[in-house]
Amino acid sequence: MPWWSEVGSFDFAVVDSAVNDSVPEHIAVLSDTLAEQINIPPDGVMVDATIGHGGHSLVFGRRLGPAGVIIGFDVDDKSLQRAHFRLQGLSCKVVFIRSNFSEIVEHVVNEGIKKVDFVLADLGVCSGQLSDAEIGLSFQKNMPLDMRMDKRLKRTAADIVNDEDERSLADLIYEYGEDRFSRRIARFIVRSRAHRRIKTTGELASIIVKAVGGAGCVGRSRIHPATRSFQALRIVVNGELENLGRFLSSVPCLLKRGGRVAVISYHSLEDRIVKQNFRENSKKGIYGILTKKPLVASREEVLQNRRARSAKLRIAEMQ
């Protein structure tokens, strides 16, 4: 049976099934591909560094027996609760830890485990998180402009949007969102906030749409005009790229010889960091790279789950 390891101020409560039924179902991306690539023994140890709603852990947990262990990390308490609900029928031991995956080594060692067979990180956002008004990630619904995956963080997206100067805003939208309209978007944001504070995702999305040429752009572009700016803000608020770098640097300390690390990324900034880390560790003789090119979703999977269309899976093996 799964059990809870508390990290930080969080009071675990049994999740009512009705709560889970109200959350959009999250489909684990590239789960079949991962299942083909990763062979974990029945008594193996898996670290799901971003457990989310537990979809990937469920796939591998079914292969594990009573001697097997899954250690699941997440900073979002609601995701941990839903993962607990989803995985409670597994025969292996499941430990849930509310902590950022950048702190993976410390917490795994604290559980009395020195080496693991498999480390997985899915860097995407769960469907339930996108629809959660308390997190405030969606530009398709009007929500408080927050974007903190971990409510213990102090600075929100609203703080950044309303307090940063125009140049800083433009730079972060360009660097983390790779948006060529970054300077124009920043200018429109500063003009708008001069009249009143920008408090919701809907308000910000409307400003961005006006900045890049009006609502007609939505129909002409493959993505919504606010997509890249919202990505940039989410990355900055949650320190995503810095935490990813720290996570990747720490993984070799945990893997057994022949153990594997798999990372699913969703945009070029993440994928570039993963690719470079694997290459550097390969040159040092630490890793053998199993995916010279990232694995991507099949057409059938993309039709079933649109989130899979931008997913890239890279896998390395400990030498």
Protein backbone atom coordinates (compact mmCIF):
# COMPACT_ATOMS: atom_id res chain seq x y z
CA MET A 1 0.00 0.00 0.00
CA PRO A 2 1.22 3.53 -0.72
CA TRP A 3 2.21 5.62 2.24
CA TRP A 4 3.04 9.24 2.82
CA SER A 5 6.36 10.85 3.65
CA GLU A 6 5.73 14.42 4.65
CA VAL A 7 8.18 17.10 3.56
CA GLY A 8 7.30 20.65 4.45
CA SER A 9 4.09 21.89 6.03
CA PHE A 10 1.47 19.65 4.47
CA ASP A 11 -1.24 17.66 6.18
CA PHE A 12 -2.08 14.59 4.08
CA ALA A 13 -5.73 13.68 3.95
CA VAL A 14 -7.44 10.72 2.32
CA VAL A 15 -8.71 11.81 -1.06
CA ASP A 16 -12.39 11.43 -1.74
CA SER A 17 -13.11 9.80 -5.09
CA ALA A 18 -15.59 12.53 -5.94
CA VAL A 19 -12.78 15.08 -5.88
CA ASN A 20 -10.80 13.03 -8.39
CA ASP A 21 -13.84 12.52 -10.59
CA SER A 22 -14.15 16.29 -10.92
CA VAL A 23 -10.61 16.63 -12.31
CA PRO A 24 -9.96 16.21 -16.06
CA GLU A 25 -8.33 12.84 -16.69
CA HIS A 26 -4.60 13.15 -17.20
CA ILE A 27 -3.20 10.81 -19.83
CA ALA A 28 0.44 9.89 -19.28
CA VAL A 29 2.48 10.91 -22.34
CA LEU A 30 4.60 8.29 -24.15
CA SER A 31 3.77 5.64 -21.53
CA ASP A 32 3.78 2.79 -24.07
CA THR A 33 7.11 3.94 -25.49
CA LEU A 34 8.60 4.12 -21.98
CA ALA A 35 7.27 0.67 -21.15
CA GLU A 36 9.08 -0.71 -24.20
CA GLN A 37 12.36 1.00 -23.33
CA ILE A 38 12.54 0.43 -19.58
CA ASN A 39 12.73 -3.03 -18.02
CA ILE A 40 12.46 -2.72 -14.26
CA PRO A 41 12.78 -5.89 -12.10
CA PRO A 42 9.97 -6.87 -9.70
CA ASP A 43 12.08 -5.80 -6.72
CA GLY A 44 13.34 -2.64 -8.42
CA VAL A 45 13.28 0.94 -7.22
CA MET A 46 11.79 3.69 -9.38
CA VAL A 47 11.94 7.41 -8.71
CA ASP A 48 9.14 9.32 -10.40
CA ALA A 49 10.60 12.78 -10.02
CA THR A 50 7.44 14.54 -11.21
CA ILE A 51 4.72 12.09 -10.30
CA GLY A 52 1.78 14.32 -11.22
CA HIS A 53 -1.38 12.24 -11.18
CA GLY A 54 0.59 8.98 -11.16
CA GLY A 55 0.03 7.79 -14.73
CA HIS A 56 3.60 6.71 -15.44
CA SER A 57 4.05 5.26 -11.95
CA LEU A 58 0.95 3.15 -12.47
CA VAL A 59 2.45 1.61 -15.62
CA PHE A 60 5.68 0.61 -13.89
CA GLY A 61 4.10 -0.07 -10.52
CA ARG A 62 2.12 -2.92 -12.07
CA ARG A 63 5.45 -4.60 -12.89
CA LEU A 64 6.73 -4.29 -9.33
CA GLY A 65 6.09 -6.83 -6.61
CA PRO A 66 5.88 -6.34 -2.82
CA ALA A 67 9.66 -5.85 -2.66
CA GLY A 68 9.56 -3.05 -5.25
CA VAL A 69 9.49 0.65 -4.40
CA ILE A 70 8.26 3.80 -6.11
CA ILE A 71 9.32 7.17 -4.72
CA GLY A 72 7.16 9.94 -6.13
CA PHE A 73 8.05 13.63 -5.98
CA ASP A 74 5.87 16.64 -6.67
CA VAL A 75 5.57 20.18 -5.33
CA ASP A 76 1.81 20.33 -5.94
CA ASP A 77 -0.06 18.85 -2.98
CA LYS A 78 -3.21 18.21 -5.03
CA SER A 79 -1.27 16.17 -7.57
CA LEU A 80 0.23 14.08 -4.80
CA GLN A 81 -3.22 13.43 -3.40
CA ARG A 82 -4.54 12.33 -6.78
CA ALA A 83 -1.51 10.12 -7.36
CA HIS A 84 -2.10 8.52 -3.95
CA PHE A 85 -5.69 7.79 -4.94
CA ARG A 86 -4.64 6.34 -8.30
CA LEU A 87 -1.83 4.12 -7.02
CA GLN A 88 -3.40 2.75 -3.86
CA GLY A 89 -4.05 -0.68 -5.40
CA LEU A 90 -0.40 -1.42 -6.21
CA SER A 91 1.38 -4.20 -4.34
CA CYS A 92 4.70 -2.36 -4.20
CA LYS A 93 5.62 0.25 -1.62
CA VAL A 94 4.92 3.82 -2.76
CA VAL A 95 6.39 6.84 -0.99
CA PHE A 96 5.08 10.32 -1.73
CA ILE A 97 7.33 13.30 -1.09
CA ARG A 98 6.29 16.92 -1.46
CA SER A 99 9.52 18.42 -2.67
CA ASN A 100 11.09 19.76 -5.83
CA PHE A 101 12.95 17.17 -7.90
CA SER A 102 16.09 19.27 -7.60
CA GLU A 103 16.33 17.83 -4.04
CA ILE A 104 15.98 14.23 -5.18
CA VAL A 105 19.19 12.79 -3.70
CA GLU A 106 18.65 14.09 -0.18
CA HIS A 107 15.15 12.67 0.12
CA VAL A 108 15.82 9.31 -1.55
CA VAL A 109 18.79 8.73 0.77
CA ASN A 110 16.60 9.72 3.74
CA GLU A 111 14.30 6.84 2.80
CA GLY A 112 17.22 4.46 3.30
CA ILE A 113 17.79 3.87 -0.41
CA LYS A 114 21.28 4.32 -1.87
CA LYS A 115 20.79 3.30 -5.51
CA VAL A 116 17.78 3.06 -7.84
CA ASP A 117 16.96 1.27 -11.09
CA PHE A 118 15.03 3.98 -12.88
CA VAL A 119 14.54 7.74 -12.66
CA LEU A 120 11.79 9.40 -14.67
CA ALA A 121 10.92 13.08 -15.07
CA ASP A 122 7.95 14.25 -17.13
CA LEU A 123 8.39 18.01 -17.34
CA GLY A 124 4.87 18.73 -18.55
CA VAL A 125 1.88 20.23 -16.76
CA CYS A 126 -1.03 17.99 -15.79
CA SER A 127 -4.46 18.65 -17.29
CA GLY A 128 -5.82 19.11 -13.79
CA GLN A 129 -3.24 21.80 -13.07
CA LEU A 130 -4.22 23.74 -16.18
CA SER A 131 -7.84 23.76 -15.05
CA ASP A 132 -7.03 24.60 -11.41
CA ALA A 133 -7.96 28.22 -10.76
CA GLU A 134 -5.78 28.29 -7.64
CA ILE A 135 -2.66 27.72 -9.76
CA GLY A 136 -3.70 30.15 -12.51
CA LEU A 137 -1.92 28.79 -15.57
CA SER A 138 -4.60 28.97 -18.26
CA PHE A 139 -5.16 31.81 -20.68
CA GLN A 140 -8.32 30.11 -21.95
CA LYS A 141 -10.14 30.71 -18.66
CA ASN A 142 -10.02 33.76 -16.42
CA MET A 143 -8.09 32.85 -13.26
CA PRO A 144 -6.00 34.67 -10.66
CA LEU A 145 -2.56 35.34 -12.19
CA ASP A 146 -0.50 33.12 -9.91
CA MET A 147 1.32 30.23 -11.70
CA ARG A 148 3.02 28.85 -8.57
CA MET A 149 3.04 25.06 -8.74
CA ASP A 150 4.29 25.14 -5.16
CA LYS A 151 2.31 27.52 -2.98
CA ARG A 152 5.28 27.79 -0.63
CA LEU A 153 6.98 29.99 -3.24
CA LYS A 154 6.61 33.69 -2.53
CA ARG A 155 6.56 35.41 -5.93
CA THR A 156 3.59 35.06 -8.29
CA ALA A 157 3.23 35.80 -11.99
CA ALA A 158 1.16 38.87 -11.06
CA ASP A 159 4.10 40.18 -9.03
CA ILE A 160 6.40 39.84 -12.03
CA VAL A 161 3.95 41.32 -14.54
CA ASN A 162 3.16 44.33 -12.35
CA ASP A 163 6.55 45.02 -10.76
CA GLU A 164 9.27 44.31 -13.35
CA ASP A 165 10.38 47.14 -15.62
CA GLU A 166 9.62 47.01 -19.32
CA ARG A 167 13.08 45.86 -20.41
CA SER A 168 13.19 43.04 -17.83
CA LEU A 169 9.74 41.84 -18.90
CA ALA A 170 10.75 41.85 -22.56
CA ASP A 171 13.96 39.97 -21.81
CA LEU A 172 12.27 37.19 -19.82
CA ILE A 173 9.51 36.74 -22.42
CA TYR A 174 12.15 36.47 -25.14
CA GLU A 175 14.56 34.25 -23.19
CA TYR A 176 12.06 31.82 -21.67
CA GLY A 177 9.20 32.11 -24.15
CA GLU A 178 11.25 32.63 -27.34
CA ASP A 179 8.62 35.10 -28.48
CA ARG A 180 9.72 37.50 -31.23
CA PHE A 181 7.04 39.97 -30.11
CA SER A 182 8.51 40.18 -26.61
CA ARG A 183 9.32 43.91 -26.65
CA ARG A 184 5.91 44.86 -28.00
CA ILE A 185 4.17 42.60 -25.46
CA ALA A 186 6.16 44.14 -22.61
CA ARG A 187 5.31 47.63 -23.79
CA PHE A 188 1.58 46.85 -23.88
CA ILE A 189 1.75 45.27 -20.41
CA VAL A 190 3.43 48.34 -18.91
CA ARG A 191 0.92 50.68 -20.53
CA SER A 192 -2.00 48.63 -19.27
CA ARG A 193 -0.77 48.29 -15.69
CA ALA A 194 -0.31 52.06 -15.47
CA HIS A 195 -4.10 52.29 -15.26
CA ARG A 196 -4.70 49.31 -12.96
CA ARG A 197 -2.91 46.25 -11.66
CA ILE A 198 -3.13 43.16 -13.88
CA LYS A 199 -4.67 40.49 -11.64
CA THR A 200 -6.01 37.66 -13.85
CA THR A 201 -4.86 35.38 -16.66
CA GLY A 202 -7.72 36.64 -18.84
CA GLU A 203 -6.60 40.24 -18.49
CA LEU A 204 -3.02 39.38 -19.37
CA ALA A 205 -4.02 37.19 -22.33
CA SER A 206 -6.20 40.00 -23.71
CA ILE A 207 -3.30 42.47 -23.48
CA ILE A 208 -0.97 40.06 -25.29
CA VAL A 209 -3.50 39.41 -28.07
CA LYS A 210 -3.77 43.17 -28.64
CA ALA A 211 0.01 43.51 -28.63
CA VAL A 212 0.62 40.94 -31.36
CA GLY A 213 -2.09 42.13 -33.69
CA GLY A 214 -5.55 41.44 -32.38
CA ALA A 215 -7.78 38.44 -31.90
CA GLY A 216 -7.45 37.47 -35.58
CA CYS A 217 -3.95 36.17 -34.86
CA VAL A 218 -5.42 33.27 -32.92
CA GLY A 219 -6.91 31.80 -36.05
CA ARG A 220 -3.84 32.28 -38.22
CA SER A 221 -1.29 30.86 -35.79
CA ARG A 222 -0.84 27.26 -34.68
CA ILE A 223 -0.71 28.43 -31.05
CA HIS A 224 -2.49 31.13 -29.08
CA PRO A 225 -0.57 34.45 -29.01
CA ALA A 226 -0.29 34.25 -25.20
CA THR A 227 1.23 30.75 -25.16
CA ARG A 228 4.89 31.76 -25.16
CA SER A 229 4.50 34.60 -22.64
CA PHE A 230 2.60 32.35 -20.25
CA GLN A 231 5.30 29.69 -20.65
CA ALA A 232 7.99 32.26 -19.83
CA LEU A 233 6.21 33.45 -16.71
CA ARG A 234 5.57 29.91 -15.47
CA ILE A 235 9.24 29.00 -15.96
CA VAL A 236 10.45 32.07 -14.07
CA VAL A 237 7.93 31.81 -11.23
CA ASN A 238 8.82 28.17 -10.57
CA GLY A 239 12.55 28.32 -11.37
CA GLU A 240 11.99 25.43 -13.76
CA LEU A 241 15.20 25.50 -15.77
CA GLU A 242 17.47 25.99 -12.76
CA ASN A 243 15.74 23.12 -10.94
CA LEU A 244 16.01 20.91 -14.03
CA GLY A 245 19.75 21.53 -14.18
CA ARG A 246 20.20 20.64 -10.52
CA PHE A 247 18.07 17.52 -10.93
CA LEU A 248 20.06 16.27 -13.93
CA SER A 249 23.36 16.90 -12.15
CA SER A 250 22.26 14.80 -9.18
CA VAL A 251 20.80 11.77 -11.00
CA PRO A 252 24.14 9.91 -11.55
CA CYS A 253 24.59 9.81 -7.75
CA LEU A 254 21.48 7.62 -7.48
CA LEU A 255 21.52 5.29 -10.48
CA LYS A 256 22.77 1.72 -10.26
CA ARG A 257 25.06 0.49 -12.99
CA GLY A 258 22.71 -0.31 -15.85
CA GLY A 259 20.03 1.93 -14.33
CA ARG A 260 18.26 4.33 -16.65
CA VAL A 261 17.12 7.93 -16.56
CA ALA A 262 14.33 9.14 -18.83
CA VAL A 263 13.20 12.74 -19.32
CA ILE A 264 10.16 13.93 -21.26
CA SER A 265 10.40 17.59 -22.28
CA TYR A 266 7.94 19.82 -24.10
CA HIS A 267 9.86 22.80 -25.43
CA SER A 268 13.30 23.50 -26.83
CA LEU A 269 14.70 25.14 -23.69
CA GLU A 270 14.12 22.01 -21.61
CA ASP A 271 15.18 19.59 -24.33
CA ARG A 272 18.42 21.48 -24.93
CA ILE A 273 19.38 21.22 -21.24
CA VAL A 274 18.63 17.48 -21.17
CA LYS A 275 20.50 16.85 -24.42
CA GLN A 276 23.59 18.73 -23.25
CA ASN A 277 23.60 16.99 -19.86
CA PHE A 278 23.39 13.53 -21.44
CA ARG A 279 26.15 14.40 -23.92
CA GLU A 280 28.48 15.72 -21.22
CA ASN A 281 27.93 12.63 -19.06
CA SER A 282 28.46 10.42 -22.09
CA LYS A 283 31.83 12.06 -22.82
CA LYS A 284 32.84 11.42 -19.20
CA GLY A 285 31.90 7.75 -19.49
CA ILE A 286 29.05 8.12 -16.99
CA TYR A 287 26.14 7.56 -19.38
CA GLY A 288 25.47 5.61 -22.50
CA ILE A 289 22.89 7.51 -24.55
CA LEU A 290 20.08 5.23 -25.72
CA THR A 291 18.23 7.84 -27.78
CA LYS A 292 20.51 9.55 -30.28
CA LYS A 293 17.40 11.38 -31.42
CA PRO A 294 14.53 11.98 -29.01
CA LEU A 295 11.58 9.59 -29.19
CA VAL A 296 8.26 11.24 -30.06
CA ALA A 297 4.62 10.26 -29.94
CA SER A 298 2.98 8.34 -32.75
CA ARG A 299 0.26 9.94 -34.83
CA GLU A 300 -2.28 7.74 -33.04
CA GLU A 301 -1.16 8.94 -29.61
CA VAL A 302 -1.27 12.59 -30.67
CA LEU A 303 -4.82 12.13 -31.93
CA GLN A 304 -5.80 10.69 -28.55
CA ASN A 305 -3.79 13.18 -26.48
CA ARG A 306 -2.85 16.57 -27.94
CA ARG A 307 -0.35 17.15 -25.13
CA ALA A 308 1.84 14.48 -26.70
CA ARG A 309 2.42 16.42 -29.91
CA SER A 310 5.40 18.38 -28.55
CA ALA A 311 6.79 15.71 -26.20
CA LYS A 312 10.38 14.53 -26.62
CA LEU A 313 11.75 11.56 -24.69
CA ARG A 314 15.47 11.10 -24.06
CA ILE A 315 16.92 8.10 -22.22
CA ALA A 316 20.41 7.40 -20.88
CA GLU A 317 21.90 4.38 -19.10
CA MET A 318 24.40 4.42 -16.24
CA GLN A 319 27.71 2.84 -17.27
